[in-house]
Amino acid sequence: MPLPQNRARARQWSRTAFAMAAVFGSLPLASRILLGGWGFDGAAEIGCLCLIAGAYFHIVSRRFPVVPDPATILERASERAASGRPDRAIALLTEGIRLSPQLWQAFQYRGELYLLRGEQAEAALQDFSEAIRLAPEEPHLYLLRGHVHSLLGDESSARSDYARAAALAGADALTAENCSGPNPGTLEP
């Protein structure tokens, strides 16, 4: 896939080739009008070659839409969140989810941002549930969703998610410790 600067360069070459095609194509006619004879042998052929080159570069410049890489989207969202702009990070993650709806990490990160903002626990719950639907074998997603259930006062659902996370992680001592207490999972108050 061409890089954006290569696409811009191809667009520039396309315009140049079209301009040269117009110049070479009009030379015989200009010669006839201004000089009285059909001079400039081969100008029409060169004009046709320039026209073909222009068409090629035009197609190349428009052929491949630039779709951001999911890893790039997550990185940019992380940078925006770290710089104190969680709203922009959430908007970027929402766009990333629109472009790549199977990117469970975007749902997870957006849910974490909703939690950090404090007032959007329901939206965080929806995002964590969608991330679990896409990646059901990731124990930390159950921990995050269990944390949201605890915040919302649904302790039975929270215990169920913590138990599922422990089962997926192999129920070792560290996991059991993470799955209990007031703030299980990766988010601390």
Protein backbone atom coordinates (compact mmCIF):
# COMPACT_ATOMS: atom_id res chain seq x y z
CA MET A 1 0.00 0.00 0.00
CA PRO A 2 1.48 3.36 -0.94
CA LEU A 3 2.41 5.74 1.84
CA PRO A 4 0.58 9.09 1.96
CA GLN A 5 3.65 10.99 0.71
CA ASN A 6 3.97 8.56 -2.23
CA ARG A 7 0.30 9.10 -3.03
CA ALA A 8 0.81 12.86 -3.03
CA ARG A 9 3.87 12.50 -5.24
CA ALA A 10 1.92 10.27 -7.68
CA ARG A 11 -0.84 12.90 -7.79
CA GLN A 12 1.76 15.57 -8.59
CA TRP A 13 3.31 13.41 -11.34
CA SER A 14 -0.17 12.79 -12.73
CA ARG A 15 -0.85 16.52 -13.04
CA THR A 16 2.55 17.10 -14.60
CA ALA A 17 2.05 14.31 -17.13
CA PHE A 18 -1.40 15.65 -18.07
CA ALA A 19 0.05 19.13 -18.55
CA MET A 20 2.85 17.75 -20.74
CA ALA A 21 0.29 15.76 -22.75
CA ALA A 22 -1.64 18.96 -23.37
CA VAL A 23 1.50 20.81 -24.41
CA PHE A 24 2.79 18.12 -26.77
CA GLY A 25 -0.68 17.42 -28.13
CA SER A 26 -1.23 21.08 -28.96
CA LEU A 27 2.19 21.70 -30.55
CA PRO A 28 1.21 20.55 -34.07
CA LEU A 29 -1.96 22.64 -34.00
CA ALA A 30 -0.09 25.69 -32.63
CA SER A 31 2.53 25.20 -35.34
CA ARG A 32 -0.15 25.13 -38.04
CA ILE A 33 -1.83 28.27 -36.71
CA LEU A 34 1.28 30.29 -35.90
CA LEU A 35 3.82 29.01 -38.44
CA GLY A 36 1.57 27.84 -41.26
CA GLY A 37 2.81 24.23 -41.31
CA TRP A 38 2.38 20.97 -39.40
CA GLY A 39 5.75 20.88 -37.69
CA PHE A 40 6.89 19.04 -34.58
CA ASP A 41 6.87 15.48 -35.89
CA GLY A 42 6.26 12.98 -33.11
CA ALA A 43 4.69 15.53 -30.76
CA ALA A 44 1.30 13.77 -30.88
CA GLU A 45 2.90 10.43 -29.95
CA ILE A 46 4.78 12.00 -27.04
CA GLY A 47 1.51 13.65 -25.99
CA CYS A 48 -0.23 10.24 -25.99
CA LEU A 49 2.55 8.71 -23.89
CA CYS A 50 2.26 11.58 -21.40
CA LEU A 51 -1.51 11.09 -21.30
CA ILE A 52 -1.08 7.38 -20.55
CA ALA A 53 1.50 8.17 -17.85
CA GLY A 54 -0.85 10.75 -16.35
CA ALA A 55 -3.72 8.26 -16.25
CA TYR A 56 -1.48 5.66 -14.60
CA PHE A 57 -0.29 8.05 -11.89
CA HIS A 58 -3.84 9.26 -11.32
CA ILE A 59 -5.02 5.69 -10.73
CA VAL A 60 -2.09 4.96 -8.41
CA SER A 61 -2.77 8.09 -6.37
CA ARG A 62 -6.42 7.15 -5.80
CA ARG A 63 -6.37 3.37 -5.88
CA PHE A 64 -5.57 2.48 -2.29
CA PRO A 65 -7.40 4.24 0.50
CA VAL A 66 -5.24 4.78 3.54
CA VAL A 67 -6.61 2.79 6.45
CA PRO A 68 -4.78 3.40 9.69
CA ASP A 69 -3.07 0.43 11.25
CA PRO A 70 -4.91 -0.74 14.43
CA ALA A 71 -1.67 -0.60 16.41
CA THR A 72 -1.18 3.00 15.29
CA ILE A 73 -4.68 3.89 16.39
CA LEU A 74 -4.09 2.39 19.84
CA GLU A 75 -0.74 4.18 20.14
CA ARG A 76 -2.22 7.54 19.17
CA ALA A 77 -5.09 7.05 21.62
CA SER A 78 -2.59 6.22 24.35
CA GLU A 79 -0.61 9.37 23.59
CA ARG A 80 -3.75 11.51 23.71
CA ALA A 81 -4.87 9.97 26.99
CA ALA A 82 -1.39 10.42 28.52
CA SER A 83 -1.37 14.07 27.48
CA GLY A 84 -4.61 14.72 29.34
CA ARG A 85 -7.02 14.52 26.41
CA PRO A 86 -9.16 11.44 27.16
CA ASP A 87 -12.06 12.78 25.08
CA ARG A 88 -9.87 12.82 21.98
CA ALA A 89 -8.52 9.38 22.85
CA ILE A 90 -12.07 8.03 23.14
CA ALA A 91 -13.02 9.62 19.81
CA LEU A 92 -9.98 8.08 18.15
CA LEU A 93 -10.77 4.65 19.63
CA THR A 94 -14.37 4.98 18.46
CA GLU A 95 -13.12 5.68 14.94
CA GLY A 96 -10.71 2.73 15.23
CA ILE A 97 -13.58 0.47 16.26
CA ARG A 98 -15.58 1.69 13.27
CA LEU A 99 -12.68 0.87 10.94
CA SER A 100 -11.74 -2.40 12.62
CA PRO A 101 -14.70 -3.77 14.63
CA GLN A 102 -12.79 -6.93 15.61
CA LEU A 103 -10.14 -4.97 17.54
CA TRP A 104 -10.99 -6.02 21.08
CA GLN A 105 -8.08 -4.03 22.51
CA ALA A 106 -9.80 -0.81 21.37
CA PHE A 107 -12.96 -1.80 23.26
CA GLN A 108 -10.86 -2.61 26.33
CA TYR A 109 -8.91 0.64 26.25
CA ARG A 110 -12.00 2.75 25.58
CA GLY A 111 -13.74 1.04 28.51
CA GLU A 112 -10.76 1.80 30.75
CA LEU A 113 -10.91 5.45 29.69
CA TYR A 114 -14.61 5.56 30.46
CA LEU A 115 -13.84 4.19 33.92
CA LEU A 116 -11.08 6.72 34.52
CA ARG A 117 -13.46 9.54 33.66
CA GLY A 118 -15.73 8.21 36.39
CA GLU A 119 -19.24 8.90 35.19
CA GLN A 120 -19.58 6.36 32.37
CA ALA A 121 -19.55 2.96 34.06
CA GLU A 122 -22.40 1.67 31.86
CA ALA A 123 -20.46 2.54 28.69
CA ALA A 124 -17.39 0.84 30.17
CA LEU A 125 -19.46 -2.25 30.92
CA GLN A 126 -20.71 -2.38 27.32
CA ASP A 127 -17.16 -2.04 25.97
CA PHE A 128 -15.76 -4.73 28.26
CA SER A 129 -18.63 -7.05 27.34
CA GLU A 130 -17.93 -6.51 23.64
CA ALA A 131 -14.22 -7.11 24.19
CA ILE A 132 -15.07 -10.37 25.99
CA ARG A 133 -17.32 -11.38 23.09
CA LEU A 134 -14.39 -10.85 20.70
CA ALA A 135 -11.68 -12.35 22.96
CA PRO A 136 -13.35 -14.70 25.47
CA GLU A 137 -10.07 -16.27 26.58
CA GLU A 138 -8.55 -13.06 28.00
CA PRO A 139 -8.81 -13.19 31.80
CA HIS A 140 -8.03 -9.52 32.41
CA LEU A 141 -11.16 -8.55 30.50
CA TYR A 142 -13.26 -10.45 33.03
CA LEU A 143 -11.41 -8.69 35.84
CA LEU A 144 -12.18 -5.31 34.31
CA ARG A 145 -15.83 -6.15 33.74
CA GLY A 146 -16.08 -7.55 37.28
CA HIS A 147 -14.68 -4.28 38.58
CA VAL A 148 -17.41 -2.37 36.73
CA HIS A 149 -20.08 -4.72 38.08
CA SER A 150 -18.75 -3.99 41.59
CA LEU A 151 -18.91 -0.25 40.94
CA LEU A 152 -22.51 -0.62 39.77
CA GLY A 153 -23.42 -2.70 42.85
CA ASP A 154 -23.98 -6.00 41.01
CA GLU A 155 -21.86 -8.22 43.26
CA SER A 156 -23.13 -11.55 41.92
CA SER A 157 -22.09 -10.66 38.36
CA ALA A 158 -18.78 -9.34 39.67
CA ARG A 159 -18.06 -12.62 41.52
CA SER A 160 -19.00 -14.56 38.40
CA ASP A 161 -16.54 -12.54 36.27
CA TYR A 162 -13.78 -12.88 38.88
CA ALA A 163 -14.32 -16.65 39.01
CA ARG A 164 -14.16 -16.85 35.21
CA ALA A 165 -10.96 -14.80 35.17
CA ALA A 166 -9.41 -17.08 37.80
CA ALA A 167 -10.45 -20.18 35.84
CA LEU A 168 -8.93 -18.80 32.62
CA ALA A 169 -5.71 -17.78 34.35
CA GLY A 170 -5.28 -21.16 36.01
CA ALA A 171 -6.31 -20.00 39.49
CA ASP A 172 -2.78 -19.48 40.77
CA ALA A 173 -2.16 -17.57 44.00
CA LEU A 174 -1.45 -14.26 42.28
CA THR A 175 -4.67 -14.46 40.27
CA ALA A 176 -6.69 -15.36 43.34
CA GLU A 177 -5.19 -12.34 45.11
CA ASN A 178 -6.05 -10.06 42.14
CA CYS A 179 -9.60 -11.38 42.00
CA SER A 180 -10.41 -10.49 45.57
CA GLY A 181 -10.48 -7.29 47.55
CA PRO A 182 -12.03 -3.92 46.90
CA ASN A 183 -10.24 -3.13 43.61
CA PRO A 184 -9.56 -6.29 41.63
CA GLY A 185 -7.90 -6.19 38.26
CA THR A 186 -5.59 -3.59 36.85
CA LEU A 187 -7.42 -0.39 37.74
CA GLU A 188 -6.75 1.22 41.10
CA PRO A 189 -8.77 4.18 42.47
